[in-house]
PDB file of N, CA and C in Angstrom:
ATOM      1  N   MET A   1       0.844  -1.182   0.000  1.00  0.00           N
ATOM      2  CA  MET A   1       0.000   0.000   0.000  1.00  0.00           C
ATOM      3  C   MET A   1       0.888   1.244   0.000  1.00  0.00           C
ATOM      4  N   ILE A   2       0.588   2.183  -0.824  1.00  0.00           N
ATOM      5  CA  ILE A   2       1.376   3.405  -0.926  1.00  0.00           C
ATOM      6  C   ILE A   2       0.736   4.469  -0.046  1.00  0.00           C
ATOM      7  N   SER A   3       1.526   5.013   0.883  1.00  0.00           N
ATOM      8  CA  SER A   3       1.016   6.067   1.749  1.00  0.00           C
ATOM      9  C   SER A   3       0.973   7.381   0.976  1.00  0.00           C
ATOM     10  N   GLN A   4       0.354   8.379   1.594  1.00  0.00           N
ATOM     11  CA  GLN A   4       0.273   9.679   0.926  1.00  0.00           C
ATOM     12  C   GLN A   4       1.661  10.250   0.683  1.00  0.00           C
ATOM     13  N   ALA A   5       2.557  10.105   1.652  1.00  0.00           N
ATOM     14  CA  ALA A   5       3.905  10.639   1.495  1.00  0.00           C
ATOM     15  C   ALA A   5       4.622   9.923   0.358  1.00  0.00           C
ATOM     16  N   ASN A   6       4.512   8.601   0.304  1.00  0.00           N
ATOM     17  CA  ASN A   6       5.166   7.859  -0.771  1.00  0.00           C
ATOM     18  C   ASN A   6       4.547   8.211  -2.117  1.00  0.00           C
ATOM     19  N   SER A   7       3.250   8.393  -2.139  1.00  0.00           N
ATOM     20  CA  SER A   7       2.571   8.756  -3.372  1.00  0.00           C
ATOM     21  C   SER A   7       3.082  10.103  -3.884  1.00  0.00           C
ATOM     22  N   SER A   8       3.258  11.050  -2.980  1.00  0.00           N
ATOM     23  CA  SER A   8       3.771  12.366  -3.371  1.00  0.00           C
ATOM     24  C   SER A   8       5.188  12.259  -3.900  1.00  0.00           C
ATOM     25  N   ALA A   9       5.998  11.445  -3.257  1.00  0.00           N
ATOM     26  CA  ALA A   9       7.373  11.272  -3.706  1.00  0.00           C
ATOM     27  C   ALA A   9       7.414  10.634  -5.087  1.00  0.00           C
ATOM     28  N   LEU A  10       6.534   9.667  -5.312  1.00  0.00           N
ATOM     29  CA  LEU A  10       6.479   9.027  -6.618  1.00  0.00           C
ATOM     30  C   LEU A  10       6.064  10.014  -7.694  1.00  0.00           C
ATOM     31  N   ARG A  11       5.057  10.841  -7.387  1.00  0.00           N
ATOM     32  CA  ARG A  11       4.613  11.829  -8.359  1.00  0.00           C
ATOM     33  C   ARG A  11       5.729  12.819  -8.671  1.00  0.00           C
ATOM     34  N   ALA A  12       6.506  13.176  -7.652  1.00  0.00           N
ATOM     35  CA  ALA A  12       7.605  14.115  -7.864  1.00  0.00           C
ATOM     36  C   ALA A  12       8.706  13.487  -8.714  1.00  0.00           C
ATOM     37  N   SER A  13       8.921  12.196  -8.534  1.00  0.00           N
ATOM     38  CA  SER A  13       9.961  11.504  -9.278  1.00  0.00           C
ATOM     39  C   SER A  13       9.581  11.275 -10.729  1.00  0.00           C
ATOM     40  N   TYR A  14       8.307  11.081 -10.982  1.00  0.00           N
ATOM     41  CA  TYR A  14       7.827  10.778 -12.329  1.00  0.00           C
ATOM     42  C   TYR A  14       6.736  11.772 -12.728  1.00  0.00           C
ATOM     43  N   PRO A  15       7.117  12.999 -13.038  1.00  0.00           N
ATOM     44  CA  PRO A  15       6.099  13.987 -13.394  1.00  0.00           C
ATOM     45  C   PRO A  15       5.370  13.599 -14.677  1.00  0.00           C
ATOM     46  N   SER A  16       4.089  13.849 -14.686  1.00  0.00           N
ATOM     47  CA  SER A  16       3.300  13.541 -15.876  1.00  0.00           C
ATOM     48  C   SER A  16       3.381  14.713 -16.855  1.00  0.00           C
ATOM     49  N   ASN A  17       2.867  14.521 -18.019  1.00  0.00           N
ATOM     50  CA  ASN A  17       2.883  15.560 -19.038  1.00  0.00           C
ATOM     51  C   ASN A  17       1.592  16.363 -19.046  1.00  0.00           C
ATOM     52  N   THR A  18       0.897  16.409 -17.927  1.00  0.00           N
ATOM     53  CA  THR A  18      -0.389  17.107 -17.878  1.00  0.00           C
ATOM     54  C   THR A  18      -0.239  18.549 -17.432  1.00  0.00           C
ATOM     55  N   GLY A  19       0.989  19.024 -17.296  1.00  0.00           N
ATOM     56  CA  GLY A  19       1.186  20.424 -16.946  1.00  0.00           C
ATOM     57  C   GLY A  19       1.145  20.696 -15.463  1.00  0.00           C
ATOM     58  N   ASP A  20       1.306  19.691 -14.620  1.00  0.00           N
ATOM     59  CA  ASP A  20       1.259  19.922 -13.185  1.00  0.00           C
ATOM     60  C   ASP A  20       2.668  20.138 -12.622  1.00  0.00           C
ATOM     61  N   THR A  21       3.466  20.952 -13.315  1.00  0.00           N
ATOM     62  CA  THR A  21       4.823  21.224 -12.855  1.00  0.00           C
ATOM     63  C   THR A  21       4.813  22.030 -11.569  1.00  0.00           C
ATOM     64  N   LYS A  22       3.814  22.863 -11.376  1.00  0.00           N
ATOM     65  CA  LYS A  22       3.725  23.639 -10.138  1.00  0.00           C
ATOM     66  C   LYS A  22       3.546  22.697  -8.953  1.00  0.00           C
ATOM     67  N   ALA A  23       2.703  21.691  -9.106  1.00  0.00           N
ATOM     68  CA  ALA A  23       2.490  20.722  -8.035  1.00  0.00           C
ATOM     69  C   ALA A  23       3.775  19.951  -7.767  1.00  0.00           C
ATOM     70  N   THR A  24       4.513  19.631  -8.804  1.00  0.00           N
ATOM     71  CA  THR A  24       5.778  18.915  -8.651  1.00  0.00           C
ATOM     72  C   THR A  24       6.777  19.773  -7.901  1.00  0.00           C
ATOM     73  N   LYS A  25       6.861  21.044  -8.249  1.00  0.00           N
ATOM     74  CA  LYS A  25       7.783  21.950  -7.560  1.00  0.00           C
ATOM     75  C   LYS A  25       7.399  22.091  -6.101  1.00  0.00           C
ATOM     76  N   THR A  26       6.105  22.160  -5.795  1.00  0.00           N
ATOM     77  CA  THR A  26       5.643  22.284  -4.420  1.00  0.00           C
ATOM     78  C   THR A  26       5.997  21.036  -3.633  1.00  0.00           C
ATOM     79  N   THR A  27       5.772  19.872  -4.214  1.00  0.00           N
ATOM     80  CA  THR A  27       6.090  18.615  -3.544  1.00  0.00           C
ATOM     81  C   THR A  27       7.576  18.521  -3.282  1.00  0.00           C
ATOM     82  N   THR A  28       8.378  18.904  -4.247  1.00  0.00           N
ATOM     83  CA  THR A  28       9.828  18.856  -4.076  1.00  0.00           C
ATOM     84  C   THR A  28      10.273  19.801  -2.984  1.00  0.00           C
ATOM     85  N   SER A  29       9.718  21.001  -2.946  1.00  0.00           N
ATOM     86  CA  SER A  29      10.123  21.960  -1.922  1.00  0.00           C
ATOM     87  C   SER A  29       9.686  21.508  -0.542  1.00  0.00           C
ATOM     88  N   VAL A  30       8.529  20.856  -0.421  1.00  0.00           N
ATOM     89  CA  VAL A  30       8.077  20.328   0.863  1.00  0.00           C
ATOM     90  C   VAL A  30       9.028  19.239   1.330  1.00  0.00           C
ATOM     91  N   SER A  31       9.444  18.359   0.428  1.00  0.00           N
ATOM     92  CA  SER A  31      10.387  17.294   0.772  1.00  0.00           C
ATOM     93  C   SER A  31      11.718  17.882   1.209  1.00  0.00           C
ATOM     94  N   GLN A  32      12.184  18.897   0.503  1.00  0.00           N
ATOM     95  CA  GLN A  32      13.448  19.528   0.857  1.00  0.00           C
ATOM     96  C   GLN A  32      13.346  20.215   2.211  1.00  0.00           C
ATOM     97  N   ASN A  33      12.209  20.864   2.491  1.00  0.00           N
ATOM     98  CA  ASN A  33      12.024  21.514   3.783  1.00  0.00           C
ATOM     99  C   ASN A  33      12.024  20.488   4.908  1.00  0.00           C
ATOM    100  N   ALA A  34      11.386  19.339   4.701  1.00  0.00           N
ATOM    101  CA  ALA A  34      11.356  18.301   5.722  1.00  0.00           C
ATOM    102  C   ALA A  34      12.760  17.777   5.966  1.00  0.00           C
ATOM    103  N   SER A  35      13.538  17.584   4.906  1.00  0.00           N
ATOM    104  CA  SER A  35      14.917  17.115   5.051  1.00  0.00           C
ATOM    105  C   SER A  35      15.765  18.154   5.774  1.00  0.00           C
ATOM    106  N   THR A  36      15.586  19.415   5.424  1.00  0.00           N
ATOM    107  CA  THR A  36      16.339  20.487   6.059  1.00  0.00           C
ATOM    108  C   THR A  36      16.005  20.570   7.536  1.00  0.00           C
ATOM    109  N   ASN A  37      14.721  20.439   7.876  1.00  0.00           N
ATOM    110  CA  ASN A  37      14.324  20.473   9.281  1.00  0.00           C
ATOM    111  C   ASN A  37      14.950  19.325  10.044  1.00  0.00           C
ATOM    112  N   ARG A  38      14.977  18.141   9.470  1.00  0.00           N
ATOM    113  CA  ARG A  38      15.562  16.971  10.133  1.00  0.00           C
ATOM    114  C   ARG A  38      17.058  17.173  10.330  1.00  0.00           C
ATOM    115  N   VAL A  39      17.731  17.701   9.326  1.00  0.00           N
ATOM    116  CA  VAL A  39      19.167  17.964   9.430  1.00  0.00           C
ATOM    117  C   VAL A  39      19.427  18.983  10.531  1.00  0.00           C
ATOM    118  N   ASP A  40      18.625  20.043  10.576  1.00  0.00           N
ATOM    119  CA  ASP A  40      18.788  21.062  11.617  1.00  0.00           C
ATOM    120  C   ASP A  40      18.581  20.467  13.007  1.00  0.00           C
ATOM    121  N   GLN A  41      17.576  19.581  13.147  1.00  0.00           N
ATOM    122  CA  GLN A  41      17.332  18.928  14.433  1.00  0.00           C
ATOM    123  C   GLN A  41      18.535  18.080  14.844  1.00  0.00           C
ATOM    124  N   LEU A  42      19.084  17.340  13.891  1.00  0.00           N
ATOM    125  CA  LEU A  42      20.251  16.507  14.191  1.00  0.00           C
ATOM    126  C   LEU A  42      21.456  17.365  14.581  1.00  0.00           C
ATOM    127  N   LYS A  43      21.674  18.466  13.868  1.00  0.00           N
ATOM    128  CA  LYS A  43      22.786  19.355  14.197  1.00  0.00           C
ATOM    129  C   LYS A  43      22.650  19.888  15.615  1.00  0.00           C
ATOM    130  N   GLU A  44      21.436  20.309  15.983  1.00  0.00           N
ATOM    131  CA  GLU A  44      21.201  20.851  17.319  1.00  0.00           C
ATOM    132  C   GLU A  44      21.444  19.796  18.396  1.00  0.00           C
ATOM    133  N   SER A  45      20.965  18.573  18.162  1.00  0.00           N
ATOM    134  CA  SER A  45      21.146  17.535  19.168  1.00  0.00           C
ATOM    135  C   SER A  45      22.613  17.117  19.286  1.00  0.00           C
ATOM    136  N   ILE A  46      23.355  17.145  18.187  1.00  0.00           N
ATOM    137  CA  ILE A  46      24.788  16.843  18.245  1.00  0.00           C
ATOM    138  C   ILE A  46      25.516  17.945  19.002  1.00  0.00           C
ATOM    139  N   ASP A  47      25.209  19.199  18.670  1.00  0.00           N
ATOM    140  CA  ASP A  47      25.860  20.329  19.332  1.00  0.00           C
ATOM    141  C   ASP A  47      25.582  20.364  20.835  1.00  0.00           C
ATOM    142  N   SER A  48      24.364  19.986  21.218  1.00  0.00           N
ATOM    143  CA  SER A  48      24.001  20.031  22.636  1.00  0.00           C
ATOM    144  C   SER A  48      24.454  18.788  23.399  1.00  0.00           C
ATOM    145  N   GLY A  49      24.917  17.779  22.662  1.00  0.00           N
ATOM    146  CA  GLY A  49      25.352  16.547  23.313  1.00  0.00           C
ATOM    147  C   GLY A  49      24.224  15.577  23.577  1.00  0.00           C
ATOM    148  N   ALA A  50      23.038  15.872  23.072  1.00  0.00           N
ATOM    149  CA  ALA A  50      21.873  15.013  23.309  1.00  0.00           C
ATOM    150  C   ALA A  50      21.810  13.840  22.338  1.00  0.00           C
ATOM    151  N   TYR A  51      22.538  13.902  21.222  1.00  0.00           N
ATOM    152  CA  TYR A  51      22.509  12.833  20.230  1.00  0.00           C
ATOM    153  C   TYR A  51      23.345  11.668  20.724  1.00  0.00           C
ATOM    154  N   LYS A  52      22.729  10.516  20.792  1.00  0.00           N
ATOM    155  CA  LYS A  52      23.410   9.314  21.255  1.00  0.00           C
ATOM    156  C   LYS A  52      23.434   8.285  20.138  1.00  0.00           C
ATOM    157  N   VAL A  53      24.586   7.686  19.921  1.00  0.00           N
ATOM    158  CA  VAL A  53      24.747   6.658  18.901  1.00  0.00           C
ATOM    159  C   VAL A  53      24.482   5.306  19.540  1.00  0.00           C
ATOM    160  N   ASN A  54      23.634   4.492  18.897  1.00  0.00           N
ATOM    161  CA  ASN A  54      23.371   3.140  19.358  1.00  0.00           C
ATOM    162  C   ASN A  54      24.521   2.265  18.842  1.00  0.00           C
ATOM    163  N   ILE A  55      25.485   2.015  19.713  1.00  0.00           N
ATOM    164  CA  ILE A  55      26.697   1.298  19.328  1.00  0.00           C
ATOM    165  C   ILE A  55      26.386  -0.113  18.826  1.00  0.00           C
ATOM    166  N   GLN A  56      25.446  -0.785  19.477  1.00  0.00           N
ATOM    167  CA  GLN A  56      25.087  -2.148  19.083  1.00  0.00           C
ATOM    168  C   GLN A  56      24.540  -2.168  17.654  1.00  0.00           C
ATOM    169  N   GLU A  57      23.588  -1.283  17.381  1.00  0.00           N
ATOM    170  CA  GLU A  57      22.984  -1.222  16.047  1.00  0.00           C
ATOM    171  C   GLU A  57      24.009  -0.826  14.988  1.00  0.00           C
ATOM    172  N   LEU A  58      24.844   0.145  15.315  1.00  0.00           N
ATOM    173  CA  LEU A  58      25.877   0.593  14.380  1.00  0.00           C
ATOM    174  C   LEU A  58      26.852  -0.531  14.054  1.00  0.00           C
ATOM    175  N   SER A  59      27.297  -1.245  15.067  1.00  0.00           N
ATOM    176  CA  SER A  59      28.262  -2.322  14.823  1.00  0.00           C
ATOM    177  C   SER A  59      27.643  -3.454  14.004  1.00  0.00           C
ATOM    178  N   GLU A  60      26.358  -3.747  14.231  1.00  0.00           N
ATOM    179  CA  GLU A  60      25.679  -4.781  13.441  1.00  0.00           C
ATOM    180  C   GLU A  60      25.581  -4.372  11.972  1.00  0.00           C
ATOM    181  N   LYS A  61      25.242  -3.115  11.716  1.00  0.00           N
ATOM    182  CA  LYS A  61      25.143  -2.642  10.337  1.00  0.00           C
ATOM    183  C   LYS A  61      26.500  -2.636   9.650  1.00  0.00           C
ATOM    184  N   MET A  62      27.542  -2.286  10.394  1.00  0.00           N
ATOM    185  CA  MET A  62      28.882  -2.295   9.818  1.00  0.00           C
ATOM    186  C   MET A  62      29.296  -3.726   9.480  1.00  0.00           C
ATOM    187  N   ALA A  63      29.019  -4.659  10.389  1.00  0.00           N
ATOM    188  CA  ALA A  63      29.363  -6.045  10.149  1.00  0.00           C
ATOM    189  C   ALA A  63      28.584  -6.605   8.954  1.00  0.00           C
ATOM    190  N   ASP A  64      27.295  -6.280   8.852  1.00  0.00           N
ATOM    191  CA  ASP A  64      26.468  -6.749   7.736  1.00  0.00           C
ATOM    192  C   ASP A  64      27.000  -6.204   6.402  1.00  0.00           C
ATOM    193  N   SER A  65      27.472  -4.973   6.403  1.00  0.00           N
ATOM    194  CA  SER A  65      27.959  -4.393   5.148  1.00  0.00           C
ATOM    195  C   SER A  65      29.274  -5.040   4.704  1.00  0.00           C
ATOM    196  N   LEU A  66      29.998  -5.630   5.628  1.00  0.00           N
ATOM    197  CA  LEU A  66      31.255  -6.279   5.287  1.00  0.00           C
ATOM    198  C   LEU A  66      31.056  -7.683   4.769  1.00  0.00           C
ATOM    199  N   LEU A  67      29.889  -8.280   5.056  1.00  0.00           N
ATOM    200  CA  LEU A  67      29.636  -9.664   4.624  1.00  0.00           C
ATOM    201  C   LEU A  67      29.158  -9.755   3.212  1.00  0.00           C
TER     202      LEU A  67
END
């Protein structure tokens, strides 16, 4: 099942020829704003020392990538 967010991302990735470029630009800018907000949140938590790395999860992912 495709959620609304995934549906919007798909539409942005594959624009139709019906002239809805404005909608595509809006969807892209919303996605970029969400990414920017997440990056800003991560920067703030790293700067404040609140960001904690899950060592167990990180080591498992590193090991999986080596296999």
